[in-house]
Amino acid sequence: MQKIAILGGGNLGQAIAWGLLESKSCTAEQLYVTRNRVERLNALKEEGVKVSNNNLEAVQCSQIIILAVKPYKILDVLDGIRLALTPEHIIVSVATGITTEQILSAAQKELSVFRAMPNTAIAIRESITCICAKNANETERQKIVDLFNNLGQAVEIQEELMEAATVLGACGIAYVLRFIRAMMQGGIEIGFGAEIASTIATQTVKGAAELLIKGGKHPEEEIDKVTTPKGCTISGLNEMEHRGFSSSLIKGILNSYQKIEK
């Protein structure tokens, strides 16, 4: 495994680092994480990860460069490391809205560049990460896909869908969590304590997702299994639809997409 530099050891950068360590896809000695406030990286340092506030040094010591800084900082960071970049480096940006062309323009070199859009479940190695590439060969593509598969599941998409991937995969975590919260509140309304309501709601959502993942079926097929004639399930579903459940969710996704496109 090549050495990896994660430039930007914030929440996402650290989550990637911990995920790589826990999946044993690389050793602590193969990781280099940077951050201005380097003391925030002490836990990684204690594991043997090289930590620093020197991006240039990190790039010189690594082959795969993961840009995990805020989008407004990414071009400045690239300007600061440009002289250390070589054709052997692979750049992976996890910054929203920064295109591969912008990265190449800032680097002023022909490099293999990837954009990756994980979500916060990367912290527990359960992210869905959407990936697109520019100037990468098949070996490099597989290397980056394998890297993020160690942190959940990775899928390759066209770059023009990266903003849509942000909404559906990254913002989608918040949508699902809001649904779970509503389920918990409903559970409390019908008699459960908060802790038991949370356990039932979260395991139910996890089980529903696993049914689709492992069964490979359309959601309606599984819904049909629990909607008996004149039953309580279909009655509840119909009331939710009358109140705009599906349309509200779809409109929310579209609204987020319109916001990110501006």
Protein backbone atom coordinates (compact mmCIF):
# COMPACT_ATOMS: atom_id res chain seq x y z
CA MET A 1 0.00 0.00 0.00
CA GLN A 2 1.28 3.44 -0.90
CA LYS A 3 1.65 6.13 1.73
CA ILE A 4 -1.36 8.39 2.19
CA ALA A 5 -1.39 12.05 3.23
CA ILE A 6 -4.68 13.47 4.50
CA LEU A 7 -4.46 17.24 4.26
CA GLY A 8 -7.06 18.56 6.67
CA GLY A 9 -7.44 16.59 9.88
CA GLY A 10 -10.91 17.85 10.77
CA ASN A 11 -13.89 15.58 11.46
CA LEU A 12 -13.94 14.04 7.99
CA GLY A 13 -10.16 13.78 7.62
CA GLN A 14 -9.82 12.08 10.98
CA ALA A 15 -12.75 9.76 10.25
CA ILE A 16 -11.01 8.64 7.05
CA ALA A 17 -7.75 8.10 8.93
CA TRP A 18 -9.38 6.05 11.68
CA GLY A 19 -11.36 4.03 9.15
CA LEU A 20 -8.21 3.16 7.22
CA LEU A 21 -6.46 2.10 10.41
CA GLU A 22 -9.39 0.05 11.73
CA SER A 23 -9.90 -1.69 8.38
CA LYS A 24 -6.18 -2.55 8.38
CA SER A 25 -5.98 -1.32 4.79
CA CYS A 26 -2.88 0.61 5.83
CA THR A 27 -0.62 0.89 8.85
CA ALA A 28 -0.12 3.94 11.03
CA GLU A 29 3.34 4.36 9.48
CA GLN A 30 1.73 4.74 6.04
CA LEU A 31 -0.49 7.63 7.15
CA TYR A 32 0.32 11.33 7.40
CA VAL A 33 -2.38 13.74 8.65
CA THR A 34 -2.08 17.52 8.73
CA ARG A 35 -3.94 20.27 10.52
CA ASN A 36 -3.12 23.80 11.66
CA ARG A 37 -4.03 22.97 15.25
CA VAL A 38 -1.95 19.82 15.31
CA GLU A 39 -2.71 19.14 18.99
CA ARG A 40 -6.20 18.07 17.87
CA LEU A 41 -4.52 15.05 16.23
CA ASN A 42 -2.93 13.67 19.41
CA ALA A 43 -5.07 10.50 19.42
CA LEU A 44 -3.84 9.61 15.92
CA LYS A 45 -0.29 10.51 16.92
CA GLU A 46 -0.50 8.09 19.83
CA GLU A 47 -1.40 5.34 17.35
CA GLY A 48 1.81 6.01 15.42
CA VAL A 49 0.37 8.20 12.66
CA LYS A 50 2.65 11.01 11.50
CA VAL A 51 0.90 14.32 12.25
CA SER A 52 2.00 17.82 11.33
CA ASN A 53 0.91 21.28 10.20
CA ASN A 54 3.23 21.07 7.20
CA ASN A 55 1.29 20.12 4.05
CA LEU A 56 4.34 20.33 1.80
CA GLU A 57 6.27 17.81 3.88
CA ALA A 58 3.26 15.46 3.96
CA VAL A 59 3.01 15.52 0.16
CA GLN A 60 6.72 14.85 -0.25
CA CYS A 61 6.40 11.76 1.97
CA SER A 62 3.27 10.31 0.33
CA GLN A 63 1.84 9.08 -2.98
CA ILE A 64 -1.93 9.40 -2.42
CA ILE A 65 -3.02 12.89 -1.36
CA ILE A 66 -6.50 13.25 0.15
CA LEU A 67 -7.68 16.85 0.25
CA ALA A 68 -10.06 17.03 3.22
CA VAL A 69 -10.09 20.79 3.78
CA LYS A 70 -13.08 23.11 3.41
CA PRO A 71 -13.96 23.88 -0.22
CA TYR A 72 -12.97 27.55 0.09
CA LYS A 73 -9.48 26.51 1.23
CA ILE A 74 -8.73 23.82 -1.31
CA LEU A 75 -7.25 25.98 -4.09
CA ASP A 76 -4.95 27.74 -1.61
CA VAL A 77 -3.80 24.38 -0.26
CA LEU A 78 -3.07 23.18 -3.81
CA ASP A 79 -1.10 26.36 -4.49
CA GLY A 80 0.99 25.64 -1.38
CA ILE A 81 1.85 22.07 -2.38
CA ARG A 82 2.13 22.54 -6.14
CA LEU A 83 5.92 22.43 -6.26
CA ALA A 84 5.99 19.08 -4.46
CA LEU A 85 3.48 17.39 -6.77
CA THR A 86 4.76 14.89 -9.34
CA PRO A 87 3.03 12.77 -12.01
CA GLU A 88 3.25 9.83 -9.59
CA HIS A 89 0.91 11.52 -7.10
CA ILE A 90 -2.80 10.69 -6.99
CA ILE A 91 -5.04 13.52 -5.78
CA VAL A 92 -8.34 12.71 -4.08
CA SER A 93 -10.61 15.62 -3.15
CA VAL A 94 -13.52 15.18 -0.74
CA ALA A 95 -14.46 18.87 -0.98
CA THR A 96 -17.96 19.67 -2.23
CA GLY A 97 -18.26 21.68 -5.44
CA ILE A 98 -14.59 21.71 -6.50
CA THR A 99 -14.22 20.15 -9.95
CA THR A 100 -11.38 18.02 -11.25
CA GLU A 101 -10.63 20.76 -13.80
CA GLN A 102 -10.26 23.33 -11.00
CA ILE A 103 -7.88 21.00 -9.17
CA LEU A 104 -5.77 20.41 -12.27
CA SER A 105 -5.69 24.12 -13.03
CA ALA A 106 -4.50 24.93 -9.49
CA ALA A 107 -1.92 22.12 -9.54
CA GLN A 108 -0.66 23.22 -12.98
CA LYS A 109 0.38 19.63 -13.70
CA GLU A 110 -1.08 16.57 -15.38
CA LEU A 111 -2.11 14.35 -12.49
CA SER A 112 -4.56 11.59 -11.72
CA VAL A 113 -7.40 13.37 -9.90
CA PHE A 114 -10.40 11.93 -8.11
CA ARG A 115 -13.41 13.45 -6.43
CA ALA A 116 -14.95 11.39 -3.63
CA MET A 117 -18.16 12.19 -1.77
CA PRO A 118 -18.50 10.14 1.44
CA ASN A 119 -20.98 10.76 4.24
CA THR A 120 -20.55 10.96 8.01
CA ALA A 121 -21.07 7.20 8.39
CA ILE A 122 -17.48 6.93 7.20
CA ALA A 123 -16.60 7.31 10.89
CA ILE A 124 -17.95 3.77 11.46
CA ARG A 125 -16.88 2.44 8.03
CA GLU A 126 -20.46 2.45 6.72
CA SER A 127 -20.30 5.32 4.23
CA ILE A 128 -21.62 5.33 0.72
CA THR A 129 -18.88 7.10 -1.24
CA CYS A 130 -19.46 8.29 -4.79
CA ILE A 131 -16.28 8.62 -6.87
CA CYS A 132 -15.35 10.13 -10.23
CA ALA A 133 -11.94 10.33 -11.90
CA LYS A 134 -9.92 12.41 -14.34
CA ASN A 135 -6.69 11.24 -16.08
CA ALA A 136 -6.67 8.03 -14.03
CA ASN A 137 -5.82 4.60 -15.41
CA GLU A 138 -7.70 1.44 -14.43
CA THR A 139 -5.14 0.47 -11.77
CA GLU A 140 -5.44 3.86 -10.10
CA ARG A 141 -9.23 3.80 -10.31
CA GLN A 142 -9.38 0.41 -8.64
CA LYS A 143 -6.93 1.51 -5.97
CA ILE A 144 -9.10 4.46 -4.93
CA VAL A 145 -12.35 2.49 -5.13
CA ASP A 146 -10.79 -0.23 -2.94
CA LEU A 147 -9.61 2.41 -0.47
CA PHE A 148 -13.13 3.75 0.03
CA ASN A 149 -14.68 0.28 -0.03
CA ASN A 150 -12.72 -0.25 3.17
CA LEU A 151 -14.78 2.60 4.64
CA GLY A 152 -18.20 1.35 3.52
CA GLN A 153 -19.28 1.02 -0.11
CA ALA A 154 -17.92 2.97 -3.06
CA VAL A 155 -19.61 3.52 -6.42
CA GLU A 156 -18.20 5.21 -9.52
CA ILE A 157 -20.33 7.91 -11.15
CA GLN A 158 -19.96 10.65 -13.76
CA GLU A 159 -18.60 13.95 -12.47
CA GLU A 160 -21.76 15.84 -13.45
CA LEU A 161 -23.61 13.75 -10.85
CA MET A 162 -21.28 14.62 -7.94
CA GLU A 163 -23.52 17.42 -6.63
CA ALA A 164 -26.52 15.09 -6.81
CA ALA A 165 -24.45 12.49 -4.93
CA THR A 166 -23.80 15.06 -2.20
CA VAL A 167 -27.54 15.57 -1.74
CA LEU A 168 -28.63 11.93 -1.89
CA GLY A 169 -25.71 10.38 0.02
CA ALA A 170 -24.31 13.07 2.31
CA CYS A 171 -27.39 15.20 3.02
CA GLY A 172 -29.37 11.96 2.95
CA ILE A 173 -27.92 10.97 6.33
CA ALA A 174 -29.74 13.94 7.88
CA TYR A 175 -32.99 13.06 6.11
CA VAL A 176 -32.90 9.51 7.46
CA LEU A 177 -31.98 10.68 10.96
CA ARG A 178 -34.92 13.10 10.94
CA PHE A 179 -37.19 10.19 9.94
CA ILE A 180 -35.82 8.12 12.82
CA ARG A 181 -36.42 10.98 15.22
CA ALA A 182 -40.03 11.23 14.04
CA MET A 183 -40.45 7.47 14.49
CA MET A 184 -39.14 7.80 18.05
CA GLN A 185 -41.55 10.65 18.78
CA GLY A 186 -44.42 8.57 17.42
CA GLY A 187 -43.32 5.66 19.57
CA ILE A 188 -43.36 7.83 22.67
CA GLU A 189 -46.86 9.01 21.73
CA ILE A 190 -48.13 5.43 21.75
CA GLY A 191 -46.54 4.51 25.08
CA PHE A 192 -42.84 3.68 24.81
CA GLY A 193 -40.09 5.36 26.81
CA ALA A 194 -37.51 7.31 24.80
CA GLU A 195 -34.77 4.67 25.11
CA ILE A 196 -36.92 1.75 23.96
CA ALA A 197 -38.48 3.88 21.20
CA SER A 198 -34.97 4.70 19.96
CA THR A 199 -33.90 1.05 20.00
CA ILE A 200 -36.98 -0.10 18.09
CA ALA A 201 -36.80 2.73 15.53
CA THR A 202 -33.08 2.43 14.78
CA GLN A 203 -33.09 -1.36 14.50
CA THR A 204 -36.18 -1.21 12.30
CA VAL A 205 -34.46 1.21 9.92
CA LYS A 206 -31.30 -0.91 9.92
CA GLY A 207 -33.34 -4.05 9.21
CA ALA A 208 -35.27 -2.37 6.39
CA ALA A 209 -32.02 -1.26 4.74
CA GLU A 210 -30.51 -4.75 5.05
CA LEU A 211 -33.61 -6.29 3.45
CA LEU A 212 -33.00 -4.17 0.35
CA ILE A 213 -29.21 -4.52 0.34
CA LYS A 214 -29.18 -8.29 0.78
CA GLY A 215 -32.39 -9.07 -1.05
CA GLY A 216 -31.83 -6.75 -4.00
CA LYS A 217 -35.55 -5.99 -4.22
CA HIS A 218 -37.56 -2.84 -4.80
CA PRO A 219 -38.92 -1.27 -1.57
CA GLU A 220 -42.52 -1.83 -2.68
CA GLU A 221 -41.95 -5.60 -2.75
CA GLU A 222 -41.04 -5.57 0.94
CA ILE A 223 -43.84 -3.11 1.76
CA ASP A 224 -46.35 -5.49 0.18
CA LYS A 225 -45.31 -8.22 2.63
CA VAL A 226 -46.52 -6.21 5.63
CA THR A 227 -49.60 -4.49 4.19
CA THR A 228 -52.53 -6.83 4.74
CA PRO A 229 -56.10 -5.91 3.66
CA LYS A 230 -57.76 -3.54 6.10
CA GLY A 231 -54.59 -3.75 8.23
CA CYS A 232 -52.92 -1.14 10.43
CA THR A 233 -49.84 -0.83 8.18
CA ILE A 234 -51.69 0.23 5.04
CA SER A 235 -53.87 2.54 7.12
CA GLY A 236 -50.80 4.27 8.51
CA LEU A 237 -49.05 4.45 5.13
CA ASN A 238 -52.10 5.97 3.47
CA GLU A 239 -52.40 8.60 6.19
CA MET A 240 -48.73 9.51 5.76
CA GLU A 241 -49.17 9.84 2.00
CA HIS A 242 -52.29 11.99 2.48
CA ARG A 243 -50.12 14.24 4.66
CA GLY A 244 -47.48 14.48 1.94
CA PHE A 245 -44.83 12.07 3.25
CA SER A 246 -43.23 10.99 -0.06
CA SER A 247 -43.75 14.30 -1.83
CA SER A 248 -42.21 16.23 1.09
CA LEU A 249 -39.12 14.05 1.02
CA ILE A 250 -38.75 14.37 -2.75
CA LYS A 251 -39.24 18.13 -2.59
CA GLY A 252 -36.65 18.34 0.19
CA ILE A 253 -34.09 16.48 -1.95
CA LEU A 254 -34.82 18.76 -4.91
CA ASN A 255 -34.56 21.85 -2.72
CA SER A 256 -31.15 20.77 -1.40
CA TYR A 257 -29.99 20.09 -4.96
CA GLN A 258 -31.13 23.52 -6.15
CA LYS A 259 -29.26 25.09 -3.22
CA ILE A 260 -26.01 23.27 -3.98
CA GLU A 261 -26.27 24.14 -7.69
CA LYS A 262 -26.36 27.90 -7.02
